Amino acid sequence: MKRSAGKAKSRAQRPLRKKQPHNTGQLRHVAWQSVKLEDLNPLLQRHFIVGKSIMLARVLLKKGCVVPEHSHHNEQITYVLEGALKFWIDGKVIVVDAGEVLTIPPHMPHKAEALQDTVDLDVFSPPREDWIHKTDQYLRGGK
């Protein structure tokens, strides 16, 4: 009995895992206008919603905005709603216009440039921890 009680006590004394503020895994109905836009640099803004194992981001890029080359372990789907994005990816240059979709496998280096003012939706699985924790310095002008 003492051993079980000791285990229960040690579990109770363990720090709780910090839950991500966006990750509820519960049913939600959200208006984009209610999600604060984050200014990453003068040409780039975004806001996002995180589920249990997926993330949806709405990204606003001004003409000339460059997203530096990077890669991540997340699968990505980019759907351009307005404007156009030029991607350098897998040894190719691909222009994704409004109404078009690009799928990017995990770990594939890519770079993008907004050819016009652009709004896109990016879907990531799993969610981008660097975005959630604001450690994505490559988008914030850092290295």
N, C-alpha and C. Protein backbone atom coordinates (compact mmCIF):
# COMPACT_ATOMS: atom_id res chain seq x y z
N MET A 1 0.82 -1.20 0.00
CA MET A 1 0.00 0.00 0.00
C MET A 1 0.86 1.26 0.00
N LYS A 2 1.90 1.27 0.85
CA LYS A 2 2.73 2.46 0.91
C LYS A 2 3.35 2.76 -0.45
N ARG A 3 3.77 1.69 -1.15
CA ARG A 3 4.40 1.89 -2.44
C ARG A 3 3.44 2.56 -3.42
N SER A 4 2.21 2.12 -3.48
CA SER A 4 1.22 2.74 -4.37
C SER A 4 0.97 4.18 -3.98
N ALA A 5 0.85 4.41 -2.68
CA ALA A 5 0.60 5.77 -2.22
C ALA A 5 1.79 6.65 -2.58
N GLY A 6 3.00 6.09 -2.47
CA GLY A 6 4.19 6.85 -2.81
C GLY A 6 4.21 7.22 -4.28
N LYS A 7 3.80 6.27 -5.11
CA LYS A 7 3.76 6.57 -6.55
C LYS A 7 2.74 7.65 -6.84
N ALA A 8 1.58 7.55 -6.21
CA ALA A 8 0.54 8.56 -6.44
C ALA A 8 1.05 9.93 -6.00
N LYS A 9 1.77 9.95 -4.87
CA LYS A 9 2.28 11.21 -4.39
C LYS A 9 3.32 11.79 -5.35
N SER A 10 4.21 10.92 -5.86
CA SER A 10 5.23 11.43 -6.76
C SER A 10 4.59 11.93 -8.06
N ARG A 11 3.54 11.25 -8.55
CA ARG A 11 2.84 11.74 -9.74
C ARG A 11 2.21 13.10 -9.47
N ALA A 12 1.64 13.24 -8.29
CA ALA A 12 0.99 14.51 -7.93
C ALA A 12 2.03 15.63 -7.84
N GLN A 13 3.26 15.28 -7.46
CA GLN A 13 4.30 16.28 -7.31
C GLN A 13 4.97 16.64 -8.64
N ARG A 14 4.77 15.81 -9.66
CA ARG A 14 5.37 16.10 -10.96
C ARG A 14 4.73 17.35 -11.55
N PRO A 15 5.54 18.15 -12.23
CA PRO A 15 4.94 19.33 -12.87
C PRO A 15 4.03 18.90 -14.01
N LEU A 16 2.95 19.63 -14.16
CA LEU A 16 2.03 19.34 -15.25
C LEU A 16 2.67 19.76 -16.56
N ARG A 17 2.41 19.00 -17.61
CA ARG A 17 2.89 19.38 -18.93
C ARG A 17 2.15 20.64 -19.35
N LYS A 18 2.90 21.60 -19.82
CA LYS A 18 2.29 22.86 -20.25
C LYS A 18 1.54 22.61 -21.56
N LYS A 19 0.27 22.90 -21.56
CA LYS A 19 -0.53 22.74 -22.77
C LYS A 19 -0.32 23.93 -23.68
N GLN A 20 -0.32 23.67 -24.98
CA GLN A 20 -0.19 24.74 -25.94
C GLN A 20 -1.50 25.51 -25.96
N PRO A 21 -1.44 26.83 -25.95
CA PRO A 21 -2.67 27.63 -25.87
C PRO A 21 -3.60 27.43 -27.05
N HIS A 22 -3.06 27.10 -28.22
CA HIS A 22 -3.88 26.96 -29.41
C HIS A 22 -4.41 25.54 -29.57
N ASN A 23 -3.78 24.57 -28.94
CA ASN A 23 -4.05 23.17 -29.21
C ASN A 23 -5.06 22.60 -28.22
N THR A 24 -6.32 22.61 -28.60
CA THR A 24 -7.34 22.12 -27.68
C THR A 24 -7.83 20.73 -28.04
N GLY A 25 -7.77 20.38 -29.33
CA GLY A 25 -8.29 19.08 -29.74
C GLY A 25 -9.80 19.00 -29.56
N GLN A 26 -10.46 20.14 -29.40
CA GLN A 26 -11.90 20.18 -29.19
C GLN A 26 -12.58 20.92 -30.33
N LEU A 27 -13.86 20.72 -30.46
CA LEU A 27 -14.65 21.41 -31.47
C LEU A 27 -14.60 22.91 -31.22
N ARG A 28 -14.29 23.67 -32.28
CA ARG A 28 -14.28 25.13 -32.18
C ARG A 28 -14.83 25.71 -33.47
N HIS A 29 -15.46 26.86 -33.38
CA HIS A 29 -15.93 27.62 -34.53
C HIS A 29 -15.29 28.99 -34.39
N VAL A 30 -14.43 29.35 -35.35
CA VAL A 30 -13.61 30.54 -35.19
C VAL A 30 -13.73 31.44 -36.42
N ALA A 31 -13.90 32.74 -36.21
CA ALA A 31 -13.85 33.72 -37.29
C ALA A 31 -12.40 34.21 -37.39
N TRP A 32 -11.84 34.25 -38.62
CA TRP A 32 -10.46 34.71 -38.78
C TRP A 32 -10.27 36.08 -38.14
N GLN A 33 -11.28 36.95 -38.23
CA GLN A 33 -11.16 38.29 -37.67
C GLN A 33 -10.91 38.27 -36.17
N SER A 34 -11.27 37.18 -35.50
CA SER A 34 -11.08 37.10 -34.05
C SER A 34 -9.68 36.59 -33.68
N VAL A 35 -8.91 36.14 -34.68
CA VAL A 35 -7.56 35.63 -34.42
C VAL A 35 -6.57 36.75 -34.75
N LYS A 36 -5.81 37.16 -33.76
CA LYS A 36 -4.91 38.30 -33.92
C LYS A 36 -3.87 38.04 -35.01
N LEU A 37 -3.70 39.02 -35.89
CA LEU A 37 -2.65 38.96 -36.91
C LEU A 37 -1.31 39.23 -36.25
N GLU A 38 -0.33 38.43 -36.62
CA GLU A 38 1.02 38.59 -36.11
C GLU A 38 1.88 39.23 -37.20
N ASP A 39 2.52 40.35 -36.88
CA ASP A 39 3.43 41.02 -37.81
C ASP A 39 4.81 40.38 -37.66
N LEU A 40 5.26 39.68 -38.70
CA LEU A 40 6.56 39.02 -38.65
C LEU A 40 7.67 39.91 -39.18
N ASN A 41 7.34 40.69 -40.19
CA ASN A 41 8.25 41.70 -40.74
C ASN A 41 7.36 42.66 -41.53
N PRO A 42 7.91 43.74 -42.06
CA PRO A 42 7.04 44.73 -42.72
C PRO A 42 6.23 44.19 -43.90
N LEU A 43 6.62 43.06 -44.48
CA LEU A 43 5.93 42.52 -45.65
C LEU A 43 5.14 41.24 -45.36
N LEU A 44 5.14 40.78 -44.11
CA LEU A 44 4.58 39.47 -43.81
C LEU A 44 3.77 39.47 -42.51
N GLN A 45 2.54 38.98 -42.62
CA GLN A 45 1.67 38.80 -41.46
C GLN A 45 1.05 37.40 -41.53
N ARG A 46 0.62 36.91 -40.38
CA ARG A 46 -0.07 35.62 -40.37
C ARG A 46 -0.91 35.51 -39.11
N HIS A 47 -1.86 34.61 -39.18
CA HIS A 47 -2.55 34.13 -37.99
C HIS A 47 -2.88 32.67 -38.25
N PHE A 48 -3.05 31.92 -37.17
CA PHE A 48 -3.24 30.49 -37.36
C PHE A 48 -4.10 29.89 -36.26
N ILE A 49 -4.64 28.73 -36.60
CA ILE A 49 -5.46 27.97 -35.67
C ILE A 49 -4.86 26.57 -35.61
N VAL A 50 -4.75 26.04 -34.40
CA VAL A 50 -4.10 24.75 -34.20
C VAL A 50 -5.09 23.76 -33.63
N GLY A 51 -5.15 22.60 -34.27
CA GLY A 51 -5.93 21.49 -33.75
C GLY A 51 -5.02 20.51 -33.04
N LYS A 52 -5.50 19.34 -32.82
CA LYS A 52 -4.70 18.34 -32.10
C LYS A 52 -3.48 17.91 -32.90
N SER A 53 -3.64 17.69 -34.22
CA SER A 53 -2.51 17.22 -35.01
C SER A 53 -2.38 17.94 -36.36
N ILE A 54 -3.05 19.09 -36.48
CA ILE A 54 -3.01 19.85 -37.73
C ILE A 54 -3.09 21.34 -37.42
N MET A 55 -2.55 22.13 -38.34
CA MET A 55 -2.55 23.59 -38.17
C MET A 55 -2.97 24.23 -39.49
N LEU A 56 -3.79 25.26 -39.38
CA LEU A 56 -4.20 26.05 -40.55
C LEU A 56 -3.74 27.49 -40.32
N ALA A 57 -2.96 28.01 -41.28
CA ALA A 57 -2.47 29.38 -41.17
C ALA A 57 -2.99 30.20 -42.35
N ARG A 58 -3.38 31.42 -42.08
CA ARG A 58 -3.72 32.38 -43.13
C ARG A 58 -2.56 33.36 -43.16
N VAL A 59 -1.88 33.43 -44.32
CA VAL A 59 -0.65 34.20 -44.45
C VAL A 59 -0.86 35.33 -45.46
N LEU A 60 -0.47 36.54 -45.08
CA LEU A 60 -0.60 37.72 -45.93
C LEU A 60 0.80 38.22 -46.27
N LEU A 61 1.13 38.21 -47.56
CA LEU A 61 2.45 38.61 -48.03
C LEU A 61 2.30 39.79 -49.00
N LYS A 62 3.05 40.84 -48.76
CA LYS A 62 3.09 41.97 -49.68
C LYS A 62 4.00 41.62 -50.86
N LYS A 63 3.74 42.22 -52.01
CA LYS A 63 4.56 41.99 -53.19
C LYS A 63 6.03 42.19 -52.84
N GLY A 64 6.86 41.24 -53.24
CA GLY A 64 8.29 41.31 -52.97
C GLY A 64 8.72 40.61 -51.70
N CYS A 65 7.78 40.20 -50.87
CA CYS A 65 8.12 39.48 -49.64
C CYS A 65 8.81 38.17 -49.99
N VAL A 66 9.94 37.91 -49.35
CA VAL A 66 10.68 36.66 -49.57
C VAL A 66 10.66 35.85 -48.29
N VAL A 67 10.24 34.60 -48.43
CA VAL A 67 10.35 33.64 -47.33
C VAL A 67 11.64 32.87 -47.60
N PRO A 68 12.67 33.07 -46.76
CA PRO A 68 13.98 32.46 -47.02
C PRO A 68 13.90 30.93 -47.08
N GLU A 69 14.89 30.34 -47.75
CA GLU A 69 14.91 28.88 -47.83
C GLU A 69 14.94 28.27 -46.44
N HIS A 70 14.11 27.26 -46.28
CA HIS A 70 14.02 26.55 -45.01
C HIS A 70 13.40 25.18 -45.29
N SER A 71 13.43 24.34 -44.29
CA SER A 71 12.72 23.05 -44.37
C SER A 71 12.23 22.72 -42.97
N HIS A 72 11.31 21.78 -42.90
CA HIS A 72 10.74 21.39 -41.61
C HIS A 72 10.22 19.97 -41.73
N HIS A 73 10.02 19.34 -40.60
CA HIS A 73 9.55 17.94 -40.60
C HIS A 73 8.05 17.83 -40.86
N ASN A 74 7.38 18.98 -41.01
CA ASN A 74 5.94 19.00 -41.23
C ASN A 74 5.60 18.87 -42.70
N GLU A 75 4.56 18.11 -43.01
CA GLU A 75 4.00 18.13 -44.35
C GLU A 75 3.27 19.45 -44.50
N GLN A 76 3.29 20.04 -45.69
CA GLN A 76 2.68 21.35 -45.91
C GLN A 76 1.84 21.33 -47.18
N ILE A 77 0.68 21.95 -47.12
CA ILE A 77 -0.14 22.20 -48.29
C ILE A 77 -0.38 23.70 -48.32
N THR A 78 -0.05 24.34 -49.44
CA THR A 78 -0.25 25.77 -49.61
C THR A 78 -1.32 26.00 -50.68
N TYR A 79 -2.35 26.74 -50.34
CA TYR A 79 -3.44 27.08 -51.25
C TYR A 79 -3.46 28.60 -51.38
N VAL A 80 -3.18 29.11 -52.56
CA VAL A 80 -3.15 30.55 -52.79
C VAL A 80 -4.57 31.03 -53.08
N LEU A 81 -5.06 31.91 -52.22
CA LEU A 81 -6.40 32.47 -52.38
C LEU A 81 -6.40 33.68 -53.31
N GLU A 82 -5.40 34.56 -53.13
CA GLU A 82 -5.26 35.79 -53.92
C GLU A 82 -3.78 36.00 -54.20
N GLY A 83 -3.46 36.49 -55.39
CA GLY A 83 -2.08 36.80 -55.71
C GLY A 83 -1.35 35.61 -56.32
N ALA A 84 -0.03 35.58 -56.11
CA ALA A 84 0.80 34.51 -56.67
C ALA A 84 2.08 34.39 -55.87
N LEU A 85 2.54 33.16 -55.69
CA LEU A 85 3.80 32.87 -55.02
C LEU A 85 4.71 32.10 -55.96
N LYS A 86 5.97 32.52 -55.98
CA LYS A 86 6.99 31.82 -56.75
C LYS A 86 7.82 31.00 -55.77
N PHE A 87 7.90 29.69 -56.00
CA PHE A 87 8.64 28.79 -55.13
C PHE A 87 9.89 28.28 -55.83
N TRP A 88 10.97 28.19 -55.07
CA TRP A 88 12.17 27.48 -55.49
C TRP A 88 12.18 26.22 -54.64
N ILE A 89 12.00 25.07 -55.29
CA ILE A 89 11.82 23.83 -54.55
C ILE A 89 12.21 22.63 -55.41
N ASP A 90 12.94 21.72 -54.84
CA ASP A 90 13.29 20.47 -55.51
C ASP A 90 13.96 20.72 -56.86
N GLY A 91 14.80 21.76 -56.94
CA GLY A 91 15.51 22.08 -58.17
C GLY A 91 14.64 22.71 -59.25
N LYS A 92 13.43 23.12 -58.88
CA LYS A 92 12.49 23.71 -59.84
C LYS A 92 12.05 25.09 -59.36
N VAL A 93 11.54 25.87 -60.31
CA VAL A 93 10.86 27.12 -59.97
C VAL A 93 9.39 26.90 -60.35
N ILE A 94 8.51 27.07 -59.37
CA ILE A 94 7.08 26.83 -59.57
C ILE A 94 6.31 28.08 -59.15
N VAL A 95 5.47 28.60 -60.04
CA VAL A 95 4.60 29.72 -59.69
C VAL A 95 3.22 29.16 -59.37
N VAL A 96 2.75 29.50 -58.17
CA VAL A 96 1.44 29.06 -57.71
C VAL A 96 0.53 30.28 -57.72
N ASP A 97 -0.44 30.27 -58.61
CA ASP A 97 -1.37 31.39 -58.76
C ASP A 97 -2.62 31.17 -57.91
N ALA A 98 -3.43 32.22 -57.79
CA ALA A 98 -4.70 32.14 -57.05
C ALA A 98 -5.50 30.95 -57.57
N GLY A 99 -6.03 30.17 -56.65
CA GLY A 99 -6.83 29.00 -56.99
C GLY A 99 -6.00 27.73 -57.15
N GLU A 100 -4.68 27.83 -56.98
CA GLU A 100 -3.81 26.66 -57.13
C GLU A 100 -3.23 26.22 -55.80
N VAL A 101 -2.80 24.96 -55.78
CA VAL A 101 -2.32 24.32 -54.55
C VAL A 101 -0.94 23.72 -54.81
N LEU A 102 -0.08 23.79 -53.80
CA LEU A 102 1.23 23.14 -53.83
C LEU A 102 1.35 22.26 -52.60
N THR A 103 1.73 21.00 -52.79
CA THR A 103 1.98 20.12 -51.65
C THR A 103 3.48 19.99 -51.48
N ILE A 104 3.94 20.15 -50.25
CA ILE A 104 5.38 20.10 -49.94
C ILE A 104 5.61 18.98 -48.94
N PRO A 105 6.37 17.95 -49.34
CA PRO A 105 6.65 16.85 -48.41
C PRO A 105 7.54 17.31 -47.25
N PRO A 106 7.55 16.55 -46.16
CA PRO A 106 8.44 16.87 -45.03
C PRO A 106 9.90 16.92 -45.48
N HIS A 107 10.67 17.79 -44.84
CA HIS A 107 12.13 17.91 -45.01
C HIS A 107 12.57 18.41 -46.38
N MET A 108 11.67 18.93 -47.21
CA MET A 108 12.06 19.42 -48.53
C MET A 108 12.36 20.91 -48.45
N PRO A 109 13.62 21.32 -48.67
CA PRO A 109 13.95 22.74 -48.62
C PRO A 109 13.15 23.52 -49.67
N HIS A 110 12.68 24.71 -49.28
CA HIS A 110 11.91 25.55 -50.19
C HIS A 110 12.04 27.02 -49.78
N LYS A 111 11.86 27.88 -50.80
CA LYS A 111 11.91 29.33 -50.64
C LYS A 111 10.74 29.87 -51.44
N ALA A 112 10.21 31.02 -51.06
CA ALA A 112 9.09 31.60 -51.80
C ALA A 112 9.21 33.11 -51.88
N GLU A 113 8.61 33.66 -52.92
CA GLU A 113 8.54 35.11 -53.08
C GLU A 113 7.14 35.47 -53.56
N ALA A 114 6.56 36.51 -52.97
CA ALA A 114 5.24 37.00 -53.40
C ALA A 114 5.42 37.85 -54.65
N LEU A 115 4.82 37.41 -55.75
CA LEU A 115 4.90 38.14 -57.02
C LEU A 115 3.91 39.30 -57.06
N GLN A 116 2.91 39.24 -56.19
CA GLN A 116 1.92 40.30 -56.01
C GLN A 116 1.50 40.23 -54.54
N ASP A 117 0.70 41.18 -54.10
CA ASP A 117 0.13 41.04 -52.75
C ASP A 117 -0.64 39.72 -52.75
N THR A 118 -0.37 38.89 -51.75
CA THR A 118 -0.87 37.51 -51.76
C THR A 118 -1.48 37.13 -50.42
N VAL A 119 -2.54 36.35 -50.49
CA VAL A 119 -3.13 35.72 -49.30
C VAL A 119 -3.15 34.23 -49.58
N ASP A 120 -2.57 33.45 -48.67
CA ASP A 120 -2.61 32.01 -48.84
C ASP A 120 -3.00 31.33 -47.54
N LEU A 121 -3.46 30.11 -47.69
CA LEU A 121 -3.73 29.24 -46.55
C LEU A 121 -2.68 28.15 -46.56
N ASP A 122 -2.00 27.97 -45.44
CA ASP A 122 -1.03 26.90 -45.29
C ASP A 122 -1.55 25.92 -44.26
N VAL A 123 -1.51 24.64 -44.63
CA VAL A 123 -1.91 23.57 -43.72
C VAL A 123 -0.65 22.79 -43.37
N PHE A 124 -0.43 22.55 -42.09
CA PHE A 124 0.74 21.80 -41.64
C PHE A 124 0.30 20.63 -40.76
N SER A 125 0.95 19.50 -40.98
CA SER A 125 0.75 18.36 -40.09
C SER A 125 2.11 17.72 -39.86
N PRO A 126 2.51 17.58 -38.60
CA PRO A 126 1.87 18.12 -37.41
C PRO A 126 2.01 19.65 -37.36
N PRO A 127 1.38 20.30 -36.38
CA PRO A 127 1.49 21.76 -36.24
C PRO A 127 2.95 22.21 -36.12
N ARG A 128 3.22 23.42 -36.57
CA ARG A 128 4.57 23.99 -36.53
C ARG A 128 4.85 24.52 -35.13
N GLU A 129 5.65 23.78 -34.38
CA GLU A 129 6.01 24.19 -33.02
C GLU A 129 6.78 25.51 -33.03
N ASP A 130 7.63 25.73 -34.04
CA ASP A 130 8.39 26.98 -34.09
C ASP A 130 7.48 28.19 -34.28
N TRP A 131 6.37 28.03 -34.99
CA TRP A 131 5.41 29.12 -35.14
C TRP A 131 4.67 29.35 -33.82
N ILE A 132 4.24 28.26 -33.21
CA ILE A 132 3.48 28.36 -31.96
C ILE A 132 4.32 29.05 -30.88
N HIS A 133 5.61 28.70 -30.80
CA HIS A 133 6.48 29.23 -29.75
C HIS A 133 7.27 30.46 -30.19
N LYS A 134 6.98 30.95 -31.42
CA LYS A 134 7.60 32.17 -31.94
C LYS A 134 9.14 32.07 -32.00
N THR A 135 9.64 30.90 -32.39
CA THR A 135 11.08 30.69 -32.55
C THR A 135 11.46 30.58 -34.02
N ASP A 136 10.61 31.02 -34.91
CA ASP A 136 10.82 30.96 -36.36
C ASP A 136 11.58 32.19 -36.84
N GLN A 137 12.82 32.30 -36.42
CA GLN A 137 13.63 33.50 -36.70
C GLN A 137 13.84 33.74 -38.19
N TYR A 138 13.80 32.69 -39.01
CA TYR A 138 13.99 32.88 -40.45
C TYR A 138 12.89 33.77 -41.06
N LEU A 139 11.73 33.85 -40.41
CA LEU A 139 10.64 34.72 -40.87
C LEU A 139 10.67 36.08 -40.21
N ARG A 140 11.39 36.19 -39.13
CA ARG A 140 11.41 37.41 -38.32
C ARG A 140 12.65 38.25 -38.57
N GLY A 141 13.39 37.93 -39.62
CA GLY A 141 14.58 38.72 -39.94
C GLY A 141 15.83 38.25 -39.22
N GLY A 142 15.71 37.20 -38.39
CA GLY A 142 16.88 36.65 -37.71
C GLY A 142 17.43 35.47 -38.49
N LYS A 143 18.49 34.89 -37.97
CA LYS A 143 19.08 33.73 -38.67
C LYS A 143 18.85 32.46 -37.92
